C-alpha atoms as a PDB file:
ATOM      1  CA  UNK A   1      -2.715 -22.767 -16.955  1.00  0.00           C
ATOM      2  CA  UNK A   2       1.078 -22.780 -16.248  1.00  0.00           C
ATOM      3  CA  UNK A   3       1.693 -22.562 -12.595  1.00  0.00           C
ATOM      4  CA  UNK A   4       4.455 -19.110 -12.472  1.00  0.00           C
ATOM      5  CA  UNK A   5       7.517 -20.189  -9.815  1.00  0.00           C
ATOM      6  CA  UNK A   6       8.079 -17.315  -7.473  1.00  0.00           C
ATOM      7  CA  UNK A   7      11.847 -16.160  -7.753  1.00  0.00           C
ATOM      8  CA  UNK A   8      12.917 -15.463  -4.310  1.00  0.00           C
ATOM      9  CA  UNK A   9      15.346 -12.471  -5.514  1.00  0.00           C
ATOM     10  CA  UNK A  10      12.418 -10.352  -6.574  1.00  0.00           C
ATOM     11  CA  UNK A  11       9.045 -12.530  -5.639  1.00  0.00           C
ATOM     12  CA  UNK A  12       6.502  -9.362  -6.271  1.00  0.00           C
ATOM     13  CA  UNK A  13       7.062  -9.108  -9.911  1.00  0.00           C
ATOM     14  CA  UNK A  14       6.005 -12.915 -10.324  1.00  0.00           C
ATOM     15  CA  UNK A  15       3.263 -12.582  -7.731  1.00  0.00           C
ATOM     16  CA  UNK A  16       1.685  -9.826  -9.903  1.00  0.00           C
ATOM     17  CA  UNK A  17       2.246 -11.622 -13.156  1.00  0.00           C
ATOM     18  CA  UNK A  18       0.569 -14.438 -11.866  1.00  0.00           C
ATOM     19  CA  UNK A  19      -2.241 -12.690 -10.238  1.00  0.00           C
ATOM     20  CA  UNK A  20      -2.935 -10.884 -13.783  1.00  0.00           C
ATOM     21  CA  UNK A  21      -2.754 -14.571 -15.882  1.00  0.00           C
ATOM     22  CA  UNK A  22      -4.866 -15.953 -13.278  1.00  0.00           C
ATOM     23  CA  UNK A  23      -7.694 -13.166 -13.602  1.00  0.00           C
ATOM     24  CA  UNK A  24      -7.587 -13.184 -17.203  1.00  0.00           C
ATOM     25  CA  UNK A  25      -7.938 -17.233 -17.322  1.00  0.00           C
ATOM     26  CA  UNK A  26      -9.905 -18.237 -20.218  1.00  0.00           C
ATOM     27  CA  UNK A  27     -10.412 -21.819 -18.720  1.00  0.00           C
ATOM     28  CA  UNK A  28     -12.907 -20.247 -16.116  1.00  0.00           C
ATOM     29  CA  UNK A  29     -14.438 -16.738 -14.987  1.00  0.00           C
ATOM     30  CA  UNK A  30     -15.877 -17.241 -11.799  1.00  0.00           C
ATOM     31  CA  UNK A  31     -16.247 -14.403  -9.429  1.00  0.00           C
ATOM     32  CA  UNK A  32     -13.539 -13.561  -7.039  1.00  0.00           C
ATOM     33  CA  UNK A  33     -13.867 -13.312  -3.369  1.00  0.00           C
ATOM     34  CA  UNK A  34     -11.167 -11.540  -1.357  1.00  0.00           C
ATOM     35  CA  UNK A  35     -11.269 -12.074   2.135  1.00  0.00           C
ATOM     36  CA  UNK A  36     -10.196  -8.682   4.066  1.00  0.00           C
ATOM     37  CA  UNK A  37      -9.794  -8.765   7.530  1.00  0.00           C
ATOM     38  CA  UNK A  38      -7.512  -5.554   7.444  1.00  0.00           C
ATOM     39  CA  UNK A  39      -4.357  -7.146   8.516  1.00  0.00           C
ATOM     40  CA  UNK A  40      -1.157  -7.457   6.800  1.00  0.00           C
ATOM     41  CA  UNK A  41      -1.740 -10.196   4.713  1.00  0.00           C
ATOM     42  CA  UNK A  42      -5.354  -9.724   3.631  1.00  0.00           C
ATOM     43  CA  UNK A  43      -4.191  -5.895   2.991  1.00  0.00           C
ATOM     44  CA  UNK A  44      -1.375  -6.840   0.577  1.00  0.00           C
ATOM     45  CA  UNK A  45      -3.648  -9.475  -1.349  1.00  0.00           C
ATOM     46  CA  UNK A  46      -6.210  -6.535  -1.786  1.00  0.00           C
ATOM     47  CA  UNK A  47      -3.476  -4.056  -2.475  1.00  0.00           C
ATOM     48  CA  UNK A  48      -2.212  -6.682  -5.212  1.00  0.00           C
ATOM     49  CA  UNK A  49      -5.774  -7.246  -6.648  1.00  0.00           C
ATOM     50  CA  UNK A  50      -6.565  -3.562  -6.790  1.00  0.00           C
ATOM     51  CA  UNK A  51      -3.122  -2.702  -8.734  1.00  0.00           C
ATOM     52  CA  UNK A  52      -4.066  -5.528 -11.088  1.00  0.00           C
ATOM     53  CA  UNK A  53      -7.138  -4.237 -11.698  1.00  0.00           C
ATOM     54  CA  UNK A  54      -6.131  -0.774 -12.426  1.00  0.00           C
ATOM     55  CA  UNK A  55      -3.245  -1.867 -14.779  1.00  0.00           C
ATOM     56  CA  UNK A  56      -5.850  -3.441 -17.158  1.00  0.00           C
ATOM     57  CA  UNK A  57      -7.725  -1.445 -19.922  1.00  0.00           C
ATOM     58  CA  UNK A  58     -11.440  -1.314 -19.048  1.00  0.00           C
ATOM     59  CA  UNK A  59     -12.566  -3.921 -21.595  1.00  0.00           C
ATOM     60  CA  UNK A  60     -10.429  -6.237 -19.929  1.00  0.00           C
ATOM     61  CA  UNK A  61     -12.034  -6.002 -16.553  1.00  0.00           C
ATOM     62  CA  UNK A  62     -14.697  -8.535 -16.775  1.00  0.00           C
ATOM     63  CA  UNK A  63     -14.418 -10.556 -13.764  1.00  0.00           C
ATOM     64  CA  UNK A  64     -16.199  -9.478 -10.746  1.00  0.00           C
ATOM     65  CA  UNK A  65     -14.515  -8.842  -7.570  1.00  0.00           C
ATOM     66  CA  UNK A  66     -16.002  -9.099  -3.869  1.00  0.00           C
ATOM     67  CA  UNK A  67     -14.595  -7.781  -1.022  1.00  0.00           C
ATOM     68  CA  UNK A  68     -15.804  -9.697   1.953  1.00  0.00           C
ATOM     69  CA  UNK A  69     -15.081  -8.728   5.522  1.00  0.00           C
ATOM     70  CA  UNK A  70     -16.394 -10.250   8.982  1.00  0.00           C
ATOM     71  CA  UNK A  71     -17.139  -8.120  12.068  1.00  0.00           C
ATOM     72  CA  UNK A  72     -17.755 -10.513  15.194  1.00  0.00           C
ATOM     73  CA  UNK A  73     -19.048  -7.552  17.249  1.00  0.00           C
ATOM     74  CA  UNK A  74     -16.311  -8.363  19.903  1.00  0.00           C
ATOM     75  CA  UNK A  75     -13.063  -7.358  18.505  1.00  0.00           C
ATOM     76  CA  UNK A  76     -10.962  -4.924  19.619  1.00  0.00           C
ATOM     77  CA  UNK A  77     -12.490  -1.549  18.382  1.00  0.00           C
ATOM     78  CA  UNK A  78      -9.290  -0.036  16.935  1.00  0.00           C
ATOM     79  CA  UNK A  79      -9.149  -3.331  14.662  1.00  0.00           C
ATOM     80  CA  UNK A  80     -12.986  -3.000  13.541  1.00  0.00           C
ATOM     81  CA  UNK A  81     -12.323   0.750  12.886  1.00  0.00           C
ATOM     82  CA  UNK A  82      -9.341   0.196  10.935  1.00  0.00           C
ATOM     83  CA  UNK A  83     -11.102  -2.713   8.840  1.00  0.00           C
ATOM     84  CA  UNK A  84     -14.327  -0.844   8.030  1.00  0.00           C
ATOM     85  CA  UNK A  85     -12.649   2.421   7.088  1.00  0.00           C
ATOM     86  CA  UNK A  86      -9.970   0.332   4.792  1.00  0.00           C
ATOM     87  CA  UNK A  87     -12.671  -1.385   3.100  1.00  0.00           C
ATOM     88  CA  UNK A  88     -14.343   1.966   2.875  1.00  0.00           C
ATOM     89  CA  UNK A  89     -11.673   3.446   1.305  1.00  0.00           C
ATOM     90  CA  UNK A  90     -11.082   0.373  -1.228  1.00  0.00           C
ATOM     91  CA  UNK A  91     -14.822   0.581  -2.461  1.00  0.00           C
ATOM     92  CA  UNK A  92     -15.099   4.497  -2.789  1.00  0.00           C
ATOM     93  CA  UNK A  93     -11.959   3.867  -4.911  1.00  0.00           C
ATOM     94  CA  UNK A  94     -13.398   1.119  -6.907  1.00  0.00           C
ATOM     95  CA  UNK A  95     -16.449   3.155  -7.738  1.00  0.00           C
ATOM     96  CA  UNK A  96     -14.171   6.113  -9.041  1.00  0.00           C
ATOM     97  CA  UNK A  97     -11.994   4.261 -11.190  1.00  0.00           C
ATOM     98  CA  UNK A  98     -15.045   2.023 -12.416  1.00  0.00           C
ATOM     99  CA  UNK A  99     -13.472  -1.265 -11.458  1.00  0.00           C
ATOM    100  CA  UNK A 100     -15.763  -4.381 -11.104  1.00  0.00           C
ATOM    101  CA  UNK A 101     -15.193  -4.365  -7.338  1.00  0.00           C
ATOM    102  CA  UNK A 102     -18.351  -4.508  -4.735  1.00  0.00           C
ATOM    103  CA  UNK A 103     -17.635  -5.556  -0.753  1.00  0.00           C
ATOM    104  CA  UNK A 104     -19.756  -6.226   2.153  1.00  0.00           C
ATOM    105  CA  UNK A 105     -19.320  -6.680   5.890  1.00  0.00           C
ATOM    106  CA  UNK A 106     -20.539  -9.995   7.223  1.00  0.00           C
ATOM    107  CA  UNK A 107     -21.916 -10.294  10.926  1.00  0.00           C
ATOM    108  CA  UNK A 108     -23.134 -12.929  12.961  1.00  0.00           C
ATOM    109  CA  UNK A 109     -26.791 -13.677  13.453  1.00  0.00           C
ATOM    110  CA  UNK A 110     -28.583 -12.248  16.105  1.00  0.00           C
ATOM    111  CA  UNK A 111     -29.301 -15.944  17.931  1.00  0.00           C
ATOM    112  CA  UNK A 112     -25.077 -16.521  17.433  1.00  0.00           C
ATOM    113  CA  UNK A 113     -23.785 -13.410  18.860  1.00  0.00           C
ATOM    114  CA  UNK A 114     -21.220 -14.034  21.531  1.00  0.00           C
ATOM    115  CA  UNK A 115     -23.410 -12.604  24.320  1.00  0.00           C
ATOM    116  CA  UNK A 116     -26.499 -14.409  22.929  1.00  0.00           C
ATOM    117  CA  UNK A 117     -24.625 -17.534  23.233  1.00  0.00           C
ATOM    118  CA  UNK A 118     -22.378 -17.212  26.260  1.00  0.00           C
ATOM    119  CA  UNK A 119     -24.945 -15.438  28.635  1.00  0.00           C
ATOM    120  CA  UNK A 120     -28.449 -16.274  26.867  1.00  0.00           C
ATOM    121  CA  UNK A 121     -27.782 -19.958  26.157  1.00  0.00           C
ATOM    122  CA  UNK A 122     -24.940 -20.749  28.613  1.00  0.00           C
ATOM    123  CA  UNK A 123     -22.164 -21.821  26.240  1.00  0.00           C
ATOM    124  CA  UNK A 124     -19.048 -22.126  28.219  1.00  0.00           C
ATOM    125  CA  UNK A 125     -16.277 -19.257  27.753  1.00  0.00           C
ATOM    126  CA  UNK A 126     -14.476 -20.333  24.786  1.00  0.00           C
ATOM    127  CA  UNK A 127     -11.046 -22.215  25.061  1.00  0.00           C
ATOM    128  CA  UNK A 128      -8.426 -24.291  22.930  1.00  0.00           C
ATOM    129  CA  UNK A 129     -10.686 -27.236  23.003  1.00  0.00           C
ATOM    130  CA  UNK A 130     -13.811 -25.779  22.402  1.00  0.00           C
ATOM    131  CA  UNK A 131     -13.662 -22.285  20.127  1.00  0.00           C
ATOM    132  CA  UNK A 132     -17.342 -22.065  19.298  1.00  0.00           C
ATOM    133  CA  UNK A 133     -16.613 -18.445  18.909  1.00  0.00           C
ATOM    134  CA  UNK A 134     -14.798 -18.914  15.618  1.00  0.00           C
ATOM    135  CA  UNK A 135     -17.239 -21.013  13.915  1.00  0.00           C
ATOM    136  CA  UNK A 136     -20.456 -19.055  14.834  1.00  0.00           C
ATOM    137  CA  UNK A 137     -19.132 -15.448  14.872  1.00  0.00           C
ATOM    138  CA  UNK A 138     -16.507 -15.753  11.683  1.00  0.00           C
ATOM    139  CA  UNK A 139     -16.731 -18.697   9.699  1.00  0.00           C
ATOM    140  CA  UNK A 140     -20.533 -19.265   9.667  1.00  0.00           C
ATOM    141  CA  UNK A 141     -21.380 -15.397   8.478  1.00  0.00           C
ATOM    142  CA  UNK A 142     -18.572 -15.733   5.608  1.00  0.00           C
ATOM    143  CA  UNK A 143     -19.180 -18.959   4.346  1.00  0.00           C
ATOM    144  CA  UNK A 144     -22.685 -18.119   4.254  1.00  0.00           C
ATOM    145  CA  UNK A 145     -21.984 -15.171   1.936  1.00  0.00           C
ATOM    146  CA  UNK A 146     -19.543 -17.330  -0.367  1.00  0.00           C
ATOM    147  CA  UNK A 147     -22.047 -19.892  -0.746  1.00  0.00           C
ATOM    148  CA  UNK A 148     -24.445 -17.289  -2.032  1.00  0.00           C
ATOM    149  CA  UNK A 149     -22.066 -16.531  -4.539  1.00  0.00           C
ATOM    150  CA  UNK A 150     -21.568 -20.183  -5.663  1.00  0.00           C
ATOM    151  CA  UNK A 151     -25.409 -20.398  -6.050  1.00  0.00           C
ATOM    152  CA  UNK A 152     -25.341 -17.305  -8.206  1.00  0.00           C
ATOM    153  CA  UNK A 153     -22.256 -18.293 -10.744  1.00  0.00           C
ATOM    154  CA  UNK A 154     -22.135 -22.093 -10.266  1.00  0.00           C
ATOM    155  CA  UNK A 155     -18.213 -21.659  -8.533  1.00  0.00           C
ATOM    156  CA  UNK A 156     -16.316 -18.695  -7.144  1.00  0.00           C
ATOM    157  CA  UNK A 157     -12.891 -18.274  -6.122  1.00  0.00           C
ATOM    158  CA  UNK A 158     -11.495 -17.302  -2.672  1.00  0.00           C
ATOM    159  CA  UNK A 159      -8.735 -15.247  -2.752  1.00  0.00           C
ATOM    160  CA  UNK A 160      -6.848 -15.941   0.649  1.00  0.00           C
ATOM    161  CA  UNK A 161      -3.859 -14.243   2.201  1.00  0.00           C
ATOM    162  CA  UNK A 162      -2.441 -17.046   3.593  1.00  0.00           C
ATOM    163  CA  UNK A 163       1.375 -17.864   3.730  1.00  0.00           C
ATOM    164  CA  UNK A 164       3.315 -20.955   4.843  1.00  0.00           C
ATOM    165  CA  UNK A 165       5.790 -18.829   6.877  1.00  0.00           C
ATOM    166  CA  UNK A 166       2.811 -17.770   9.285  1.00  0.00           C
ATOM    167  CA  UNK A 167       3.475 -21.032  11.563  1.00  0.00           C
ATOM    168  CA  UNK A 168       4.185 -24.575  11.318  1.00  0.00           C
ATOM    169  CA  UNK A 169       0.430 -25.278  11.707  1.00  0.00           C
ATOM    170  CA  UNK A 170      -0.443 -23.106   8.961  1.00  0.00           C
ATOM    171  CA  UNK A 171       2.298 -24.503   6.709  1.00  0.00           C
ATOM    172  CA  UNK A 172       1.029 -28.087   7.541  1.00  0.00           C
ATOM    173  CA  UNK A 173      -2.643 -26.872   6.494  1.00  0.00           C
ATOM    174  CA  UNK A 174      -1.462 -25.377   3.241  1.00  0.00           C
ATOM    175  CA  UNK A 175       0.821 -28.442   2.187  1.00  0.00           C
ATOM    176  CA  UNK A 176      -1.877 -30.607   2.851  1.00  0.00           C
ATOM    177  CA  UNK A 177      -4.284 -28.830   0.284  1.00  0.00           C
ATOM    178  CA  UNK A 178      -2.629 -29.303  -3.125  1.00  0.00           C
ATOM    179  CA  UNK A 179      -3.673 -27.040  -6.054  1.00  0.00           C
ATOM    180  CA  UNK A 180      -5.749 -28.908  -9.317  1.00  0.00           C
ATOM    181  CA  UNK A 181      -3.443 -30.246 -11.926  1.00  0.00           C
ATOM    182  CA  UNK A 182      -2.024 -27.340 -13.931  1.00  0.00           C
ATOM    183  CA  UNK A 183      -3.828 -24.948 -11.777  1.00  0.00           C
ATOM    184  CA  UNK A 184      -3.237 -22.250  -9.070  1.00  0.00           C
ATOM    185  CA  UNK A 185      -6.699 -23.390  -7.636  1.00  0.00           C
ATOM    186  CA  UNK A 186      -7.280 -25.688  -4.623  1.00  0.00           C
ATOM    187  CA  UNK A 187     -10.782 -27.202  -4.238  1.00  0.00           C
ATOM    188  CA  UNK A 188     -12.186 -25.657  -0.692  1.00  0.00           C
ATOM    189  CA  UNK A 189     -12.097 -28.306   2.202  1.00  0.00           C
ATOM    190  CA  UNK A 190     -15.630 -27.442   2.933  1.00  0.00           C
ATOM    191  CA  UNK A 191     -17.553 -25.304   0.806  1.00  0.00           C
ATOM    192  CA  UNK A 192     -18.907 -27.060  -2.276  1.00  0.00           C
ATOM    193  CA  UNK A 193     -18.007 -25.504  -5.698  1.00  0.00           C
ATOM    194  CA  UNK A 194     -15.521 -22.949  -3.834  1.00  0.00           C
ATOM    195  CA  UNK A 195     -11.882 -22.724  -5.162  1.00  0.00           C
ATOM    196  CA  UNK A 196      -9.157 -21.158  -3.183  1.00  0.00           C
ATOM    197  CA  UNK A 197      -6.435 -18.922  -4.901  1.00  0.00           C
ATOM    198  CA  UNK A 198      -3.417 -18.257  -2.747  1.00  0.00           C
ATOM    199  CA  UNK A 199      -1.081 -15.657  -4.582  1.00  0.00           C
ATOM    200  CA  UNK A 200       1.243 -14.463  -1.569  1.00  0.00           C
ATOM    201  CA  UNK A 201       1.650 -18.331  -0.105  1.00  0.00           C
ATOM    202  CA  UNK A 202       5.662 -18.313  -0.446  1.00  0.00           C
ATOM    203  CA  UNK A 203       6.283 -14.927   1.146  1.00  0.00           C
ATOM    204  CA  UNK A 204       7.747 -14.418   4.346  1.00  0.00           C
ATOM    205  CA  UNK A 205       6.815 -12.319   7.150  1.00  0.00           C
ATOM    206  CA  UNK A 206       9.575  -9.446   6.395  1.00  0.00           C
ATOM    207  CA  UNK A 207       8.373  -9.628   2.364  1.00  0.00           C
ATOM    208  CA  UNK A 208       4.886  -8.735   3.589  1.00  0.00           C
ATOM    209  CA  UNK A 209       5.953  -5.729   5.892  1.00  0.00           C
ATOM    210  CA  UNK A 210       8.783  -4.481   3.471  1.00  0.00           C
ATOM    211  CA  UNK A 211       6.326  -4.237   0.542  1.00  0.00           C
ATOM    212  CA  UNK A 212       3.593  -2.483   2.513  1.00  0.00           C
ATOM    213  CA  UNK A 213       6.110   0.007   4.226  1.00  0.00           C
ATOM    214  CA  UNK A 214       7.630   0.906   0.579  1.00  0.00           C
ATOM    215  CA  UNK A 215       4.172   1.024  -1.502  1.00  0.00           C
ATOM    216  CA  UNK A 216       1.154   3.095  -0.570  1.00  0.00           C
ATOM    217  CA  UNK A 217      -2.028   1.342  -1.375  1.00  0.00           C
ATOM    218  CA  UNK A 218      -3.342   2.209  -4.910  1.00  0.00           C
ATOM    219  CA  UNK A 219      -7.037   3.124  -3.197  1.00  0.00           C
ATOM    220  CA  UNK A 220      -5.005   6.192  -1.716  1.00  0.00           C
ATOM    221  CA  UNK A 221      -3.554   7.099   1.636  1.00  0.00           C
ATOM    222  CA  UNK A 222      -0.687   4.982   3.060  1.00  0.00           C
ATOM    223  CA  UNK A 223      -0.577   1.798   5.034  1.00  0.00           C
ATOM    224  CA  UNK A 224       1.320   3.595   8.056  1.00  0.00           C
ATOM    225  CA  UNK A 225      -1.984   3.452  10.133  1.00  0.00           C
ATOM    226  CA  UNK A 226      -1.867  -0.517   9.575  1.00  0.00           C
ATOM    227  CA  UNK A 227       2.029  -0.806  10.494  1.00  0.00           C
ATOM    228  CA  UNK A 228       1.165   1.625  13.505  1.00  0.00           C
ATOM    229  CA  UNK A 229      -1.672  -0.644  14.775  1.00  0.00           C
ATOM    230  CA  UNK A 230       0.599  -3.840  14.609  1.00  0.00           C
ATOM    231  CA  UNK A 231       3.663  -2.091  16.324  1.00  0.00           C
ATOM    232  CA  UNK A 232       1.127  -0.827  19.170  1.00  0.00           C
ATOM    233  CA  UNK A 233      -0.001  -4.253  19.672  1.00  0.00           C
ATOM    234  CA  UNK A 234       3.906  -5.719  19.853  1.00  0.00           C
ATOM    235  CA  UNK A 235       3.433  -7.615  16.774  1.00  0.00           C
ATOM    236  CA  UNK A 236       0.074  -9.383  17.490  1.00  0.00           C
ATOM    237  CA  UNK A 237      -2.780  -9.881  15.231  1.00  0.00           C
END
């Protein structure tokens, strides 16, 4: 498959075309796993993927798409409410439009929940040098779901809303993982037989916000609640 360059003047036309071609690829037909946190980047990816599915005739909607979210059980109630409500709206609309979409919210195992580890097992409070919470509460539950899909299908493709513009650290991390030759896919660094697809990797933060502000989600409603959530958090995640 030819990798389509993103033209700076109108990046979304190229991204939409790229997503469509990747979904319809004849070289592989592994399921997509769209990671959805409810944040701006994952919402944009969800929006574009959902749009793409709606644009295809039913006979071409043959690749299964899974939306996976994670609830660490210690997030801000406002953030969790928004994530759960948005995912429910996506899945409800997908059912109405008969799209090959399903979804799930993962949570940590009881023995790995924050309070069990902190109080029950005496773990130290998470800090920069020991961020056990990220691994136990978020990475492990999500990785378990992904590996389940890999085992069921041989391989799976994780659709991520990561961007070089997020930070210097994220840019360095992205650039250290190169796509396979003549492909938009990158082998996952930790999960065997999982591949990563990064459709919005070259977008700026302004690109993301401008799109979300100008386009209502294809599953209905508006992105105004998301924009409000960020605004009230002074731009924080």
